Amino acid sequence: MNHSPVSIQTTIHAEHRGERDTRLHGRRLVLARIVWGVVAVFELGMFVVSLLGYITQLQVICTSSCANQQLSAAAVKELQHLGFSQGDYVAFNLAFMLISALLSYAIAALLVWRRSNDWMALLVSLMLLGIGPTSRITNTLLLSHWFGPALASSVLNFSIQISFTIVVLAFSLFPDGRFVPRWTRWIVILGIGVGIFFIFSPSAAQSVISGILISALISLVIAQVYRYRRVSTPTQRQQTKWSCTALQSP
């Protein structure tokens, strides 16, 4: 059965409509690139600041409550029994962290290089920067050496909120920049609102706030599955598969 040229063009238009809708031009493109640059510099700065303190933290044997990946005296003895020193442990963690960072940042850089005029690509690249190695090593103790104990908590909460907002937006809008299903926009508004409240009141019902944020993320994952199976075109499904592979690689 032959298809008319008009039908073919309509199909092609439907396949690529989402791609064109997320491309920017003129002032909007300049503004998007400026915002991307500011957030990217902030995320990279947080990683560098945290990494320097993280290395020092791994070299200190904890006596009571241990920080992330920090060893106790018993753990050091166990390592020595296996033929490894604390220096070997620090080197392994550092190598793993740098390789993870390199993968995340390389994929983000590739997205920006290939699609720097596409705000959806810019958003996904920022998500890779935010949920990469930085989120696994940053804590209040490390930041207190740079910003002081009083300010460190606020800086950390602000960093978490930026990363959370980017993840929520990326999950709710990928790949065509639309809220699908439409009710996901209310989840985004709720998640961002709760996150902002957490910045100014970090001790206020933290378990309840965490539960709301986790529920919002789970709802957006379900929405992505619905979008993939019911709404996405073959091209958009391939983009989703590629993005899932990129997120799993670090």
Protein backbone atom coordinates (compact mmCIF):
# COMPACT_ATOMS: atom_id res chain seq x y z
CA MET A 1 0.00 0.00 0.00
CA ASN A 2 1.51 3.35 -1.05
CA HIS A 3 1.61 6.34 1.24
CA SER A 4 1.23 9.84 -0.09
CA PRO A 5 4.06 12.38 0.32
CA VAL A 6 1.79 14.43 2.59
CA SER A 7 1.29 11.45 4.90
CA ILE A 8 5.01 10.76 5.04
CA GLN A 9 5.78 14.40 5.83
CA THR A 10 3.13 14.38 8.58
CA THR A 11 4.72 11.31 10.13
CA ILE A 12 8.20 12.83 10.00
CA HIS A 13 6.81 16.02 11.53
CA ALA A 14 5.26 14.04 14.39
CA GLU A 15 8.51 12.16 15.01
CA HIS A 16 10.65 15.27 15.28
CA ARG A 17 8.17 17.75 16.76
CA GLY A 18 9.50 17.29 20.29
CA GLU A 19 13.10 17.77 19.14
CA ARG A 20 12.33 21.11 17.47
CA ASP A 21 10.19 22.31 20.38
CA THR A 22 13.12 22.09 22.80
CA ARG A 23 15.52 24.11 20.68
CA LEU A 24 16.16 27.74 21.57
CA HIS A 25 17.22 30.77 19.57
CA GLY A 26 18.28 34.33 20.22
CA ARG A 27 18.03 35.75 23.73
CA ARG A 28 16.44 32.63 25.19
CA LEU A 29 19.37 30.55 24.03
CA VAL A 30 21.87 33.01 25.51
CA LEU A 31 19.97 33.08 28.83
CA ALA A 32 19.76 29.27 28.94
CA ARG A 33 23.50 28.96 28.33
CA ILE A 34 24.26 31.52 31.05
CA VAL A 35 22.08 29.66 33.56
CA TRP A 36 23.69 26.38 32.55
CA GLY A 37 27.17 27.88 33.00
CA VAL A 38 26.39 29.25 36.48
CA VAL A 39 24.90 25.97 37.72
CA ALA A 40 27.66 23.89 36.11
CA VAL A 41 30.40 25.99 37.75
CA PHE A 42 28.62 25.68 41.11
CA GLU A 43 28.36 21.88 40.78
CA LEU A 44 31.99 21.50 39.71
CA GLY A 45 33.10 23.78 42.53
CA MET A 46 31.19 21.70 45.05
CA PHE A 47 32.87 18.58 43.72
CA VAL A 48 36.39 20.03 43.96
CA VAL A 49 35.80 21.43 47.45
CA SER A 50 34.27 18.16 48.65
CA LEU A 51 36.92 15.96 47.03
CA LEU A 52 39.79 17.69 48.81
CA GLY A 53 38.12 17.25 52.19
CA TYR A 54 36.98 13.73 51.30
CA ILE A 55 40.58 12.58 50.78
CA THR A 56 41.58 14.01 54.16
CA GLN A 57 38.53 12.45 55.79
CA LEU A 58 39.42 8.97 54.50
CA GLN A 59 42.89 9.26 56.03
CA VAL A 60 41.48 9.86 59.52
CA ILE A 61 40.41 6.84 61.58
CA CYS A 62 37.06 7.53 63.21
CA THR A 63 36.52 6.73 66.89
CA SER A 64 32.75 7.08 67.29
CA SER A 65 30.40 7.96 64.41
CA CYS A 66 32.06 7.41 61.04
CA ALA A 67 31.41 9.67 58.06
CA ASN A 68 30.78 8.40 54.54
CA GLN A 69 33.33 5.67 53.65
CA GLN A 70 35.46 6.56 56.68
CA LEU A 71 37.19 3.64 58.39
CA SER A 72 37.14 2.67 62.03
CA ALA A 73 40.13 1.15 63.82
CA ALA A 74 38.58 -2.31 63.49
CA ALA A 75 38.07 -1.83 59.76
CA VAL A 76 41.70 -0.79 59.30
CA LYS A 77 42.88 -3.95 61.08
CA GLU A 78 40.60 -6.03 58.87
CA LEU A 79 42.10 -4.42 55.77
CA GLN A 80 45.60 -5.11 57.01
CA HIS A 81 44.62 -8.71 57.63
CA LEU A 82 43.61 -8.93 53.97
CA GLY A 83 46.93 -7.44 52.87
CA PHE A 84 45.79 -3.85 52.19
CA SER A 85 46.81 -0.65 53.93
CA GLN A 86 44.73 2.41 54.67
CA GLY A 87 46.64 4.19 51.91
CA ASP A 88 45.50 1.52 49.43
CA TYR A 89 41.92 2.06 50.56
CA VAL A 90 42.20 5.83 50.06
CA ALA A 91 43.78 5.38 46.62
CA PHE A 92 41.04 2.97 45.51
CA ASN A 93 38.25 5.30 46.62
CA LEU A 94 39.92 8.28 44.98
CA ALA A 95 40.39 6.39 41.71
CA PHE A 96 36.77 5.22 41.74
CA MET A 97 35.51 8.73 42.44
CA LEU A 98 37.60 10.31 39.69
CA ILE A 99 36.58 7.70 37.12
CA SER A 100 32.92 8.17 38.03
CA ALA A 101 33.30 11.93 37.74
CA LEU A 102 35.07 11.62 34.39
CA LEU A 103 32.25 9.47 32.97
CA SER A 104 29.51 11.78 34.23
CA TYR A 105 31.22 14.95 33.07
CA ALA A 106 32.24 13.47 29.72
CA ILE A 107 28.66 12.51 28.88
CA ALA A 108 27.42 15.93 30.05
CA ALA A 109 30.08 17.67 27.93
CA LEU A 110 29.11 15.57 24.90
CA LEU A 111 25.48 16.59 25.27
CA VAL A 112 26.38 20.27 25.48
CA TRP A 113 28.82 20.03 22.57
CA ARG A 114 26.32 18.30 20.29
CA ARG A 115 23.09 20.01 21.42
CA SER A 116 24.00 23.28 23.08
CA ASN A 117 20.94 24.96 21.54
CA ASP A 118 18.56 22.39 23.05
CA TRP A 119 17.38 23.29 26.55
CA MET A 120 16.39 19.68 27.25
CA ALA A 121 19.94 18.53 26.53
CA LEU A 122 21.27 21.28 28.79
CA LEU A 123 18.92 20.16 31.57
CA VAL A 124 19.96 16.50 31.29
CA SER A 125 23.64 17.47 31.31
CA LEU A 126 23.11 19.43 34.54
CA MET A 127 21.37 16.40 36.03
CA LEU A 128 24.45 14.30 35.26
CA LEU A 129 26.64 16.89 36.99
CA GLY A 130 24.37 17.07 40.04
CA ILE A 131 23.70 13.38 40.71
CA GLY A 132 27.22 12.24 39.90
CA PRO A 133 30.10 11.87 42.38
CA THR A 134 29.37 15.17 44.13
CA SER A 135 26.20 13.87 45.75
CA ARG A 136 28.05 10.85 47.16
CA ILE A 137 30.85 12.67 48.96
CA THR A 138 29.49 16.08 49.98
CA ASN A 139 28.50 16.53 53.62
CA THR A 140 28.31 19.26 56.22
CA LEU A 141 31.58 18.28 57.89
CA LEU A 142 33.57 18.71 54.69
CA LEU A 143 31.91 22.00 53.79
CA SER A 144 32.42 23.43 57.29
CA HIS A 145 36.17 23.68 56.61
CA TRP A 146 35.42 26.11 53.77
CA PHE A 147 32.25 27.95 54.83
CA GLY A 148 32.19 27.50 58.59
CA PRO A 149 29.85 25.29 60.64
CA ALA A 150 26.95 27.77 60.57
CA LEU A 151 26.94 28.29 56.80
CA ALA A 152 27.90 24.77 55.75
CA SER A 153 24.45 23.32 56.41
CA SER A 154 22.76 26.03 54.32
CA VAL A 155 25.20 25.56 51.45
CA LEU A 156 24.65 21.80 51.49
CA ASN A 157 20.85 22.15 51.58
CA PHE A 158 21.00 24.67 48.73
CA SER A 159 23.15 22.28 46.68
CA ILE A 160 20.76 19.40 47.36
CA GLN A 161 17.77 21.52 46.36
CA ILE A 162 19.38 22.53 43.06
CA SER A 163 20.19 18.93 42.20
CA PHE A 164 16.73 17.74 43.28
CA THR A 165 14.97 20.42 41.23
CA ILE A 166 16.97 19.53 38.13
CA VAL A 167 16.27 15.81 38.56
CA VAL A 168 12.54 16.43 39.03
CA LEU A 169 12.34 18.67 35.98
CA ALA A 170 14.35 16.26 33.85
CA PHE A 171 12.23 13.26 34.81
CA SER A 172 8.95 15.12 34.25
CA LEU A 173 9.89 16.78 30.93
CA PHE A 174 12.18 14.29 29.16
CA PRO A 175 12.42 13.85 26.21
CA ASP A 176 10.05 16.36 24.53
CA GLY A 177 9.85 19.12 27.14
CA ARG A 178 6.18 18.48 27.99
CA PHE A 179 4.48 17.35 31.19
CA VAL A 180 3.17 13.85 30.43
CA PRO A 181 0.79 13.02 32.04
CA ARG A 182 -0.33 16.55 32.84
CA TRP A 183 -0.67 15.86 36.58
CA THR A 184 3.12 15.57 36.84
CA ARG A 185 3.39 19.37 36.85
CA TRP A 186 1.72 19.42 40.28
CA ILE A 187 4.21 16.86 41.58
CA VAL A 188 7.03 19.11 40.36
CA ILE A 189 5.51 22.15 42.08
CA LEU A 190 5.01 20.17 45.32
CA GLY A 191 8.51 18.69 45.25
CA ILE A 192 10.22 22.02 44.60
CA GLY A 193 8.09 23.78 47.23
CA VAL A 194 8.92 21.19 49.89
CA GLY A 195 12.60 21.32 48.93
CA ILE A 196 12.70 25.11 49.30
CA PHE A 197 11.00 24.82 52.69
CA PHE A 198 13.67 22.30 53.71
CA ILE A 199 16.43 24.84 52.89
CA PHE A 200 15.09 27.33 55.42
CA SER A 201 13.89 24.75 57.97
CA PRO A 202 16.20 21.74 57.70
CA SER A 203 15.18 20.33 61.08
CA ALA A 204 11.42 20.65 60.62
CA ALA A 205 9.89 17.16 60.28
CA GLN A 206 12.78 15.89 58.19
CA SER A 207 11.36 12.36 57.94
CA VAL A 208 8.04 13.68 56.58
CA ILE A 209 9.80 15.95 54.08
CA SER A 210 12.07 13.13 52.92
CA GLY A 211 9.04 10.88 52.47
CA ILE A 212 7.30 13.49 50.31
CA LEU A 213 10.37 14.01 48.15
CA ILE A 214 10.92 10.28 47.67
CA SER A 215 7.23 9.81 46.80
CA ALA A 216 7.51 12.60 44.23
CA LEU A 217 10.50 10.94 42.57
CA ILE A 218 8.77 7.54 42.50
CA SER A 219 5.68 9.14 40.92
CA LEU A 220 7.84 10.74 38.22
CA VAL A 221 9.53 7.42 37.47
CA ILE A 222 6.07 5.86 37.02
CA ALA A 223 5.13 8.77 34.76
CA GLN A 224 8.24 8.15 32.66
CA VAL A 225 7.25 4.49 32.23
CA TYR A 226 3.75 5.58 31.16
CA ARG A 227 5.20 8.11 28.72
CA TYR A 228 7.59 5.53 27.28
CA ARG A 229 4.92 2.88 26.72
CA ARG A 230 1.93 5.02 25.73
CA VAL A 231 3.09 8.36 24.34
CA SER A 232 6.72 8.35 23.12
CA THR A 233 7.58 7.94 19.46
CA PRO A 234 10.23 5.36 18.43
CA THR A 235 12.83 8.13 18.30
CA GLN A 236 11.94 9.35 21.78
CA ARG A 237 12.04 5.79 23.13
CA GLN A 238 15.56 5.44 21.78
CA GLN A 239 16.52 8.70 23.50
CA THR A 240 15.09 7.35 26.76
CA LYS A 241 17.09 4.13 26.45
CA TRP A 242 20.28 6.09 25.78
CA SER A 243 19.66 8.37 28.76
CA CYS A 244 19.08 5.40 31.09
CA THR A 245 22.38 3.91 29.91
CA ALA A 246 24.16 7.22 30.54
CA LEU A 247 22.75 7.46 34.08
CA GLN A 248 23.78 3.91 34.94
CA SER A 249 27.35 4.22 33.62
CA PRO A 250 28.78 6.37 36.50
